[in-house]
Amino acid sequence: LMRAGYSEREILCDPFCGSGTFLIEAAGMASQTPAGYFRKKWGFFHLPSFNSSEWQEFKSYWDHKKRPIESQKIIGADSDSQAIRNCREHLQKTGFEKEVLLLNSPIAKLSVPRSPTLVVSDPPFGKRMHASTQVYQEFGQFLRSRCPAAPWAY
């Protein structure tokens, strides 16, 4: 996402979101939530020099730096309803379930409420791809017709 130039100003869409990796990463970046923030245990907790009060002070600092995410600026979709359920579960564990819009839709019928300015995805391939290469043609059509705000080079 950093290489793609993602920032909280973008309207990000992952039309093949699967378990939600890109969505959660984008929500973390947009809200200034540091990587690993949701971990409950760290190896350094067991170091002799570990200071619990310093850790709590550090954690409190990052708690106060977090920003709210504008609703529907991060959009995920997948045609697989089980993938959407898994993604929703992962979003709930991170607290981003209300900010990230999830749609259970194949790419050919995907209609997003806001025109994406950045589309990122790991589209299906190999065994994950139960259909023909038509899904890639439909993906191209989605990009051309539903993402006019994105700077495409055709």
N, C-alpha and C. Protein backbone atom coordinates (compact mmCIF):
# COMPACT_ATOMS: atom_id res chain seq x y z
N LEU A 1 0.83 -1.20 0.00
CA LEU A 1 0.00 0.00 0.00
C LEU A 1 0.86 1.25 0.00
N MET A 2 1.98 1.21 0.70
CA MET A 2 2.87 2.36 0.69
C MET A 2 3.44 2.58 -0.71
N ARG A 3 3.84 1.51 -1.37
CA ARG A 3 4.37 1.64 -2.74
C ARG A 3 3.31 2.14 -3.71
N ALA A 4 2.07 1.84 -3.44
CA ALA A 4 0.97 2.29 -4.31
C ALA A 4 0.58 3.74 -4.01
N GLY A 5 1.19 4.32 -2.99
CA GLY A 5 0.90 5.71 -2.65
C GLY A 5 -0.36 5.89 -1.83
N TYR A 6 -0.77 4.84 -1.13
CA TYR A 6 -2.00 4.93 -0.34
C TYR A 6 -1.86 5.93 0.80
N SER A 7 -2.91 6.73 0.99
CA SER A 7 -3.03 7.60 2.15
C SER A 7 -4.51 7.63 2.53
N GLU A 8 -4.80 8.20 3.70
CA GLU A 8 -6.19 8.24 4.18
C GLU A 8 -7.09 9.08 3.27
N ARG A 9 -6.52 9.85 2.35
CA ARG A 9 -7.33 10.65 1.41
C ARG A 9 -7.91 9.79 0.29
N GLU A 10 -7.32 8.63 0.05
CA GLU A 10 -7.78 7.75 -1.03
C GLU A 10 -9.10 7.08 -0.68
N ILE A 11 -9.84 6.74 -1.72
CA ILE A 11 -10.98 5.84 -1.59
C ILE A 11 -10.49 4.52 -2.15
N LEU A 12 -10.19 3.59 -1.25
CA LEU A 12 -9.56 2.34 -1.62
C LEU A 12 -10.61 1.26 -1.83
N CYS A 13 -10.40 0.46 -2.87
CA CYS A 13 -11.29 -0.67 -3.14
C CYS A 13 -10.46 -1.91 -3.44
N ASP A 14 -10.80 -3.01 -2.79
CA ASP A 14 -10.24 -4.32 -3.09
C ASP A 14 -11.40 -5.22 -3.51
N PRO A 15 -11.60 -5.40 -4.83
CA PRO A 15 -12.75 -6.16 -5.31
C PRO A 15 -12.64 -7.68 -5.14
N PHE A 16 -11.47 -8.17 -4.72
CA PHE A 16 -11.27 -9.59 -4.43
C PHE A 16 -10.65 -9.68 -3.03
N CYS A 17 -11.33 -9.17 -2.02
CA CYS A 17 -10.73 -8.93 -0.71
C CYS A 17 -10.37 -10.18 0.08
N GLY A 18 -10.97 -11.31 -0.20
CA GLY A 18 -10.64 -12.52 0.55
C GLY A 18 -10.78 -12.31 2.04
N SER A 19 -9.72 -12.57 2.79
CA SER A 19 -9.78 -12.45 4.25
C SER A 19 -9.58 -11.02 4.75
N GLY A 20 -9.27 -10.09 3.86
CA GLY A 20 -9.24 -8.68 4.24
C GLY A 20 -7.88 -8.09 4.55
N THR A 21 -6.81 -8.72 4.14
CA THR A 21 -5.47 -8.24 4.46
C THR A 21 -5.25 -6.79 4.02
N PHE A 22 -5.53 -6.47 2.76
CA PHE A 22 -5.34 -5.11 2.28
C PHE A 22 -6.25 -4.13 3.02
N LEU A 23 -7.47 -4.53 3.29
CA LEU A 23 -8.44 -3.65 3.96
C LEU A 23 -7.98 -3.29 5.37
N ILE A 24 -7.51 -4.30 6.11
CA ILE A 24 -7.05 -4.07 7.48
C ILE A 24 -5.79 -3.23 7.48
N GLU A 25 -4.90 -3.50 6.54
CA GLU A 25 -3.68 -2.71 6.44
C GLU A 25 -4.00 -1.25 6.13
N ALA A 26 -4.93 -1.03 5.21
CA ALA A 26 -5.33 0.34 4.85
C ALA A 26 -5.99 1.03 6.05
N ALA A 27 -6.85 0.32 6.75
CA ALA A 27 -7.50 0.92 7.93
C ALA A 27 -6.47 1.27 9.00
N GLY A 28 -5.49 0.42 9.17
CA GLY A 28 -4.43 0.71 10.13
C GLY A 28 -3.64 1.94 9.75
N MET A 29 -3.31 2.05 8.46
CA MET A 29 -2.56 3.22 8.00
C MET A 29 -3.41 4.49 8.13
N ALA A 30 -4.67 4.42 7.72
CA ALA A 30 -5.54 5.59 7.75
C ALA A 30 -5.80 6.08 9.18
N SER A 31 -5.85 5.15 10.11
CA SER A 31 -6.15 5.52 11.51
C SER A 31 -4.90 5.74 12.35
N GLN A 32 -3.74 5.60 11.73
CA GLN A 32 -2.45 5.69 12.41
C GLN A 32 -2.33 4.65 13.52
N THR A 33 -2.81 3.45 13.23
CA THR A 33 -2.68 2.34 14.16
C THR A 33 -1.40 1.60 13.81
N PRO A 34 -0.45 1.52 14.72
CA PRO A 34 0.83 0.89 14.38
C PRO A 34 0.70 -0.62 14.15
N ALA A 35 1.60 -1.14 13.32
CA ALA A 35 1.65 -2.59 13.06
C ALA A 35 1.82 -3.33 14.38
N GLY A 36 1.13 -4.43 14.53
CA GLY A 36 1.23 -5.23 15.74
C GLY A 36 0.43 -4.69 16.92
N TYR A 37 -0.31 -3.63 16.71
CA TYR A 37 -1.05 -2.96 17.78
C TYR A 37 -2.01 -3.90 18.51
N PHE A 38 -2.57 -4.85 17.80
CA PHE A 38 -3.60 -5.71 18.39
C PHE A 38 -3.03 -6.95 19.08
N ARG A 39 -1.73 -7.10 19.05
CA ARG A 39 -1.12 -8.24 19.75
C ARG A 39 -1.30 -8.07 21.25
N LYS A 40 -1.52 -9.18 21.93
CA LYS A 40 -1.69 -9.15 23.38
C LYS A 40 -0.37 -9.45 24.10
N LYS A 41 0.50 -10.21 23.44
CA LYS A 41 1.76 -10.61 24.07
C LYS A 41 2.92 -10.31 23.13
N TRP A 42 4.02 -9.91 23.72
CA TRP A 42 5.26 -9.65 22.99
C TRP A 42 6.39 -10.37 23.70
N GLY A 43 7.36 -10.83 22.96
CA GLY A 43 8.51 -11.52 23.54
C GLY A 43 9.28 -10.65 24.52
N PHE A 44 9.34 -9.34 24.24
CA PHE A 44 10.12 -8.47 25.13
C PHE A 44 9.49 -8.29 26.50
N PHE A 45 8.24 -8.74 26.68
CA PHE A 45 7.62 -8.69 28.01
C PHE A 45 8.44 -9.53 29.01
N HIS A 46 9.17 -10.52 28.51
CA HIS A 46 9.89 -11.45 29.38
C HIS A 46 11.35 -11.07 29.58
N LEU A 47 11.78 -9.98 28.98
CA LEU A 47 13.16 -9.54 29.17
C LEU A 47 13.34 -8.96 30.58
N PRO A 48 14.49 -9.16 31.17
CA PRO A 48 14.73 -8.63 32.53
C PRO A 48 14.58 -7.11 32.60
N SER A 49 14.89 -6.43 31.51
CA SER A 49 14.83 -4.96 31.52
C SER A 49 13.44 -4.41 31.19
N PHE A 50 12.47 -5.29 30.97
CA PHE A 50 11.12 -4.83 30.62
C PHE A 50 10.52 -4.02 31.76
N ASN A 51 9.98 -2.85 31.40
CA ASN A 51 9.37 -1.97 32.38
C ASN A 51 7.90 -1.78 32.00
N SER A 52 7.02 -2.34 32.77
CA SER A 52 5.59 -2.31 32.49
C SER A 52 5.02 -0.90 32.39
N SER A 53 5.46 -0.01 33.26
CA SER A 53 4.92 1.36 33.23
C SER A 53 5.39 2.10 31.97
N GLU A 54 6.63 1.86 31.52
CA GLU A 54 7.09 2.46 30.27
C GLU A 54 6.28 1.93 29.09
N TRP A 55 5.98 0.63 29.12
CA TRP A 55 5.18 0.03 28.06
C TRP A 55 3.78 0.66 28.03
N GLN A 56 3.17 0.82 29.18
CA GLN A 56 1.83 1.41 29.23
C GLN A 56 1.86 2.86 28.75
N GLU A 57 2.91 3.59 29.07
CA GLU A 57 3.06 4.97 28.61
C GLU A 57 3.19 5.01 27.08
N PHE A 58 3.99 4.11 26.54
CA PHE A 58 4.17 4.01 25.08
C PHE A 58 2.85 3.66 24.40
N LYS A 59 2.15 2.68 24.95
CA LYS A 59 0.86 2.24 24.38
C LYS A 59 -0.16 3.38 24.46
N SER A 60 -0.19 4.09 25.55
CA SER A 60 -1.11 5.22 25.72
C SER A 60 -0.83 6.31 24.69
N TYR A 61 0.43 6.55 24.41
CA TYR A 61 0.81 7.54 23.39
C TYR A 61 0.17 7.18 22.05
N TRP A 62 0.29 5.91 21.65
CA TRP A 62 -0.28 5.48 20.37
C TRP A 62 -1.80 5.43 20.41
N ASP A 63 -2.37 5.13 21.56
CA ASP A 63 -3.83 5.16 21.69
C ASP A 63 -4.36 6.56 21.38
N HIS A 64 -3.67 7.57 21.82
CA HIS A 64 -4.11 8.96 21.61
C HIS A 64 -3.81 9.48 20.21
N LYS A 65 -2.90 8.83 19.51
CA LYS A 65 -2.57 9.25 18.14
C LYS A 65 -3.56 8.72 17.11
N LYS A 66 -4.31 7.69 17.49
CA LYS A 66 -5.24 7.08 16.53
C LYS A 66 -6.27 8.09 16.06
N ARG A 67 -6.60 8.02 14.78
CA ARG A 67 -7.60 8.91 14.17
C ARG A 67 -8.79 8.09 13.69
N PRO A 68 -9.95 8.70 13.67
CA PRO A 68 -11.11 7.99 13.10
C PRO A 68 -10.97 7.88 11.58
N ILE A 69 -11.61 6.88 11.02
CA ILE A 69 -11.59 6.66 9.58
C ILE A 69 -12.94 7.06 9.02
N GLU A 70 -12.92 7.81 7.94
CA GLU A 70 -14.16 8.19 7.29
C GLU A 70 -14.84 6.95 6.72
N SER A 71 -16.13 6.83 6.97
CA SER A 71 -16.91 5.67 6.51
C SER A 71 -16.90 5.57 4.99
N GLN A 72 -16.84 4.35 4.51
CA GLN A 72 -16.90 3.99 3.09
C GLN A 72 -15.74 4.53 2.26
N LYS A 73 -14.60 4.81 2.91
CA LYS A 73 -13.40 5.16 2.16
C LYS A 73 -12.54 3.94 1.92
N ILE A 74 -12.88 2.84 2.59
CA ILE A 74 -12.21 1.56 2.37
C ILE A 74 -13.32 0.56 2.07
N ILE A 75 -13.26 -0.01 0.86
CA ILE A 75 -14.33 -0.88 0.36
C ILE A 75 -13.73 -2.22 -0.07
N GLY A 76 -14.33 -3.29 0.41
CA GLY A 76 -13.90 -4.62 0.01
C GLY A 76 -15.07 -5.41 -0.54
N ALA A 77 -14.78 -6.27 -1.49
CA ALA A 77 -15.82 -7.12 -2.06
C ALA A 77 -15.23 -8.48 -2.40
N ASP A 78 -16.08 -9.46 -2.43
CA ASP A 78 -15.69 -10.81 -2.86
C ASP A 78 -16.95 -11.55 -3.25
N SER A 79 -16.82 -12.43 -4.22
CA SER A 79 -17.98 -13.21 -4.64
C SER A 79 -18.23 -14.39 -3.71
N ASP A 80 -17.25 -14.74 -2.92
CA ASP A 80 -17.33 -15.87 -1.99
C ASP A 80 -17.88 -15.40 -0.64
N SER A 81 -19.07 -15.85 -0.29
CA SER A 81 -19.70 -15.40 0.95
C SER A 81 -18.91 -15.84 2.19
N GLN A 82 -18.23 -16.98 2.13
CA GLN A 82 -17.41 -17.42 3.26
C GLN A 82 -16.22 -16.48 3.43
N ALA A 83 -15.64 -16.02 2.35
CA ALA A 83 -14.53 -15.06 2.43
C ALA A 83 -15.01 -13.77 3.09
N ILE A 84 -16.21 -13.33 2.74
CA ILE A 84 -16.76 -12.11 3.35
C ILE A 84 -16.98 -12.31 4.84
N ARG A 85 -17.48 -13.48 5.24
CA ARG A 85 -17.67 -13.76 6.67
C ARG A 85 -16.32 -13.75 7.40
N ASN A 86 -15.30 -14.37 6.79
CA ASN A 86 -13.96 -14.38 7.40
C ASN A 86 -13.40 -12.96 7.51
N CYS A 87 -13.58 -12.20 6.45
CA CYS A 87 -13.10 -10.82 6.43
C CYS A 87 -13.79 -10.00 7.52
N ARG A 88 -15.08 -10.14 7.63
CA ARG A 88 -15.83 -9.40 8.66
C ARG A 88 -15.32 -9.78 10.06
N GLU A 89 -15.05 -11.05 10.27
CA GLU A 89 -14.53 -11.51 11.56
C GLU A 89 -13.17 -10.86 11.85
N HIS A 90 -12.30 -10.80 10.85
CA HIS A 90 -10.99 -10.19 11.03
C HIS A 90 -11.12 -8.69 11.30
N LEU A 91 -12.03 -8.05 10.61
CA LEU A 91 -12.26 -6.61 10.85
C LEU A 91 -12.78 -6.36 12.25
N GLN A 92 -13.65 -7.25 12.75
CA GLN A 92 -14.17 -7.10 14.11
C GLN A 92 -13.06 -7.22 15.14
N LYS A 93 -12.10 -8.11 14.90
CA LYS A 93 -10.99 -8.29 15.83
C LYS A 93 -10.11 -7.06 15.91
N THR A 94 -10.10 -6.27 14.86
CA THR A 94 -9.27 -5.07 14.84
C THR A 94 -10.07 -3.81 15.17
N GLY A 95 -11.38 -3.93 15.24
CA GLY A 95 -12.21 -2.77 15.53
C GLY A 95 -12.52 -1.90 14.33
N PHE A 96 -12.23 -2.38 13.12
CA PHE A 96 -12.47 -1.60 11.91
C PHE A 96 -13.74 -2.01 11.16
N GLU A 97 -14.57 -2.86 11.76
CA GLU A 97 -15.73 -3.39 11.04
C GLU A 97 -16.75 -2.33 10.65
N LYS A 98 -16.85 -1.24 11.40
CA LYS A 98 -17.84 -0.20 11.08
C LYS A 98 -17.37 0.74 9.97
N GLU A 99 -16.07 0.93 9.86
CA GLU A 99 -15.53 1.86 8.88
C GLU A 99 -15.35 1.25 7.50
N VAL A 100 -15.09 -0.05 7.44
CA VAL A 100 -14.84 -0.72 6.17
C VAL A 100 -16.14 -1.30 5.62
N LEU A 101 -16.45 -0.93 4.40
CA LEU A 101 -17.66 -1.43 3.74
C LEU A 101 -17.33 -2.74 3.03
N LEU A 102 -18.10 -3.79 3.34
CA LEU A 102 -17.92 -5.08 2.69
C LEU A 102 -19.13 -5.40 1.83
N LEU A 103 -18.87 -5.88 0.62
CA LEU A 103 -19.93 -6.25 -0.31
C LEU A 103 -19.71 -7.66 -0.80
N ASN A 104 -20.74 -8.48 -0.75
CA ASN A 104 -20.67 -9.84 -1.28
C ASN A 104 -21.18 -9.79 -2.71
N SER A 105 -20.25 -9.67 -3.65
CA SER A 105 -20.62 -9.48 -5.05
C SER A 105 -19.52 -9.95 -5.98
N PRO A 106 -19.90 -10.59 -7.08
CA PRO A 106 -18.90 -10.89 -8.11
C PRO A 106 -18.49 -9.58 -8.79
N ILE A 107 -17.31 -9.55 -9.33
CA ILE A 107 -16.78 -8.34 -9.95
C ILE A 107 -17.68 -7.81 -11.07
N ALA A 108 -18.32 -8.70 -11.81
CA ALA A 108 -19.17 -8.27 -12.93
C ALA A 108 -20.38 -7.47 -12.46
N LYS A 109 -20.82 -7.69 -11.22
CA LYS A 109 -22.00 -6.99 -10.70
C LYS A 109 -21.66 -6.01 -9.59
N LEU A 110 -20.39 -5.81 -9.34
CA LEU A 110 -19.98 -4.96 -8.22
C LEU A 110 -20.30 -3.50 -8.49
N SER A 111 -21.07 -2.92 -7.57
CA SER A 111 -21.42 -1.51 -7.63
C SER A 111 -20.99 -0.89 -6.32
N VAL A 112 -20.05 0.03 -6.39
CA VAL A 112 -19.53 0.66 -5.19
C VAL A 112 -20.16 2.04 -5.00
N PRO A 113 -20.42 2.44 -3.74
CA PRO A 113 -21.11 3.71 -3.48
C PRO A 113 -20.25 4.94 -3.76
N ARG A 114 -18.93 4.77 -3.76
CA ARG A 114 -18.00 5.88 -4.04
C ARG A 114 -17.00 5.40 -5.07
N SER A 115 -16.65 6.26 -5.97
CA SER A 115 -15.70 5.90 -7.02
C SER A 115 -14.29 5.77 -6.43
N PRO A 116 -13.69 4.59 -6.51
CA PRO A 116 -12.35 4.40 -5.94
C PRO A 116 -11.30 5.25 -6.63
N THR A 117 -10.37 5.75 -5.83
CA THR A 117 -9.21 6.45 -6.38
C THR A 117 -7.99 5.54 -6.37
N LEU A 118 -8.09 4.41 -5.65
CA LEU A 118 -7.03 3.41 -5.63
C LEU A 118 -7.67 2.03 -5.55
N VAL A 119 -7.32 1.16 -6.47
CA VAL A 119 -7.80 -0.22 -6.47
C VAL A 119 -6.58 -1.11 -6.26
N VAL A 120 -6.63 -1.92 -5.22
CA VAL A 120 -5.57 -2.89 -4.95
C VAL A 120 -6.22 -4.24 -4.80
N SER A 121 -5.53 -5.28 -5.24
CA SER A 121 -6.14 -6.59 -5.15
C SER A 121 -5.14 -7.70 -5.39
N ASP A 122 -5.48 -8.85 -4.91
CA ASP A 122 -4.80 -10.09 -5.22
C ASP A 122 -5.87 -10.96 -5.87
N PRO A 123 -6.09 -10.76 -7.18
CA PRO A 123 -7.19 -11.47 -7.84
C PRO A 123 -6.97 -12.98 -7.85
N PRO A 124 -8.05 -13.73 -8.02
CA PRO A 124 -7.95 -15.19 -8.00
C PRO A 124 -7.10 -15.72 -9.15
N PHE A 125 -6.36 -16.78 -8.85
CA PHE A 125 -5.56 -17.45 -9.88
C PHE A 125 -5.39 -18.90 -9.45
N GLY A 126 -4.96 -19.74 -10.37
CA GLY A 126 -4.72 -21.14 -10.06
C GLY A 126 -5.95 -21.84 -9.52
N LYS A 127 -5.79 -22.57 -8.43
CA LYS A 127 -6.89 -23.33 -7.84
C LYS A 127 -7.99 -22.44 -7.29
N ARG A 128 -7.64 -21.20 -6.91
CA ARG A 128 -8.66 -20.28 -6.38
C ARG A 128 -9.61 -19.82 -7.46
N MET A 129 -9.21 -19.96 -8.71
CA MET A 129 -10.02 -19.44 -9.81
C MET A 129 -10.89 -20.56 -10.35
N HIS A 130 -12.14 -20.57 -9.96
CA HIS A 130 -13.07 -21.63 -10.36
C HIS A 130 -13.67 -21.37 -11.73
N ALA A 131 -13.54 -20.17 -12.21
CA ALA A 131 -14.11 -19.82 -13.51
C ALA A 131 -12.99 -19.67 -14.53
N SER A 132 -13.35 -19.22 -15.70
CA SER A 132 -12.37 -19.00 -16.75
C SER A 132 -11.69 -17.65 -16.57
N THR A 133 -10.88 -17.28 -17.52
CA THR A 133 -10.20 -15.99 -17.46
C THR A 133 -11.17 -14.83 -17.66
N GLN A 134 -12.44 -15.12 -17.80
CA GLN A 134 -13.45 -14.07 -17.95
C GLN A 134 -13.43 -13.10 -16.76
N VAL A 135 -13.06 -13.59 -15.59
CA VAL A 135 -13.03 -12.73 -14.41
C VAL A 135 -12.06 -11.56 -14.62
N TYR A 136 -10.99 -11.78 -15.37
CA TYR A 136 -10.04 -10.70 -15.63
C TYR A 136 -10.62 -9.68 -16.60
N GLN A 137 -11.40 -10.15 -17.55
CA GLN A 137 -12.09 -9.22 -18.45
C GLN A 137 -13.10 -8.39 -17.67
N GLU A 138 -13.82 -9.04 -16.76
CA GLU A 138 -14.79 -8.33 -15.92
C GLU A 138 -14.10 -7.34 -14.99
N PHE A 139 -12.92 -7.70 -14.50
CA PHE A 139 -12.14 -6.80 -13.65
C PHE A 139 -11.74 -5.54 -14.45
N GLY A 140 -11.29 -5.74 -15.67
CA GLY A 140 -10.95 -4.61 -16.53
C GLY A 140 -12.15 -3.72 -16.79
N GLN A 141 -13.30 -4.34 -17.03
CA GLN A 141 -14.54 -3.56 -17.25
C GLN A 141 -14.92 -2.78 -16.00
N PHE A 142 -14.76 -3.39 -14.82
CA PHE A 142 -15.02 -2.70 -13.56
C PHE A 142 -14.13 -1.47 -13.44
N LEU A 143 -12.84 -1.63 -13.73
CA LEU A 143 -11.91 -0.51 -13.62
C LEU A 143 -12.28 0.63 -14.56
N ARG A 144 -12.63 0.29 -15.80
CA ARG A 144 -12.97 1.32 -16.78
C ARG A 144 -14.29 2.02 -16.47
N SER A 145 -15.28 1.25 -16.05
CA SER A 145 -16.62 1.83 -15.91
C SER A 145 -16.95 2.38 -14.53
N ARG A 146 -16.38 1.82 -13.48
CA ARG A 146 -16.79 2.21 -12.13
C ARG A 146 -15.71 2.93 -11.33
N CYS A 147 -14.57 3.17 -11.95
CA CYS A 147 -13.48 3.82 -11.23
C CYS A 147 -12.95 5.01 -12.01
N PRO A 148 -13.81 5.96 -12.41
CA PRO A 148 -13.34 7.09 -13.21
C PRO A 148 -12.40 8.02 -12.46
N ALA A 149 -12.40 8.00 -11.14
CA ALA A 149 -11.54 8.91 -10.38
C ALA A 149 -10.11 8.39 -10.27
N ALA A 150 -9.92 7.11 -10.58
CA ALA A 150 -8.57 6.53 -10.49
C ALA A 150 -7.78 6.92 -11.74
N PRO A 151 -6.49 7.21 -11.58
CA PRO A 151 -5.68 7.66 -12.71
C PRO A 151 -5.19 6.49 -13.57
N TRP A 152 -6.06 5.93 -14.36
CA TRP A 152 -5.71 4.77 -15.17
C TRP A 152 -4.96 5.19 -16.42
N ALA A 153 -4.04 4.35 -16.83
CA ALA A 153 -3.33 4.55 -18.10
C ALA A 153 -3.74 3.39 -19.00
N TYR A 154 -4.66 3.64 -19.91
CA TYR A 154 -5.16 2.57 -20.79
C TYR A 154 -4.30 2.47 -22.03
